């Protein structure tokens, strides 16, 4: 179980380190329920990476990712909106 959690953490961390710009393919994956893609789309909207900055859409995508247990999304959401 610890190995699984470590592996999932590394995958999530890798996703945040190699954050990408918004793309149709990325949003398509996010709409299909991919938690990492949902996080990435949220970051794109939050930072205006490849798409117009939109905090409402950023929050929506980060919450979807959080609801699937993505801790990076939870941390980003709380760090940004708890100010």
Foldseek 3Di string as FASTA:
>chain_A
DVVVVVVVVVVLVVLVVPQAADDPVLVVVLVVQDLSSLQSVLVCLCVVRNHDNDNVSSLVSLVSSVVVPRVVSVVVNCVVPVD
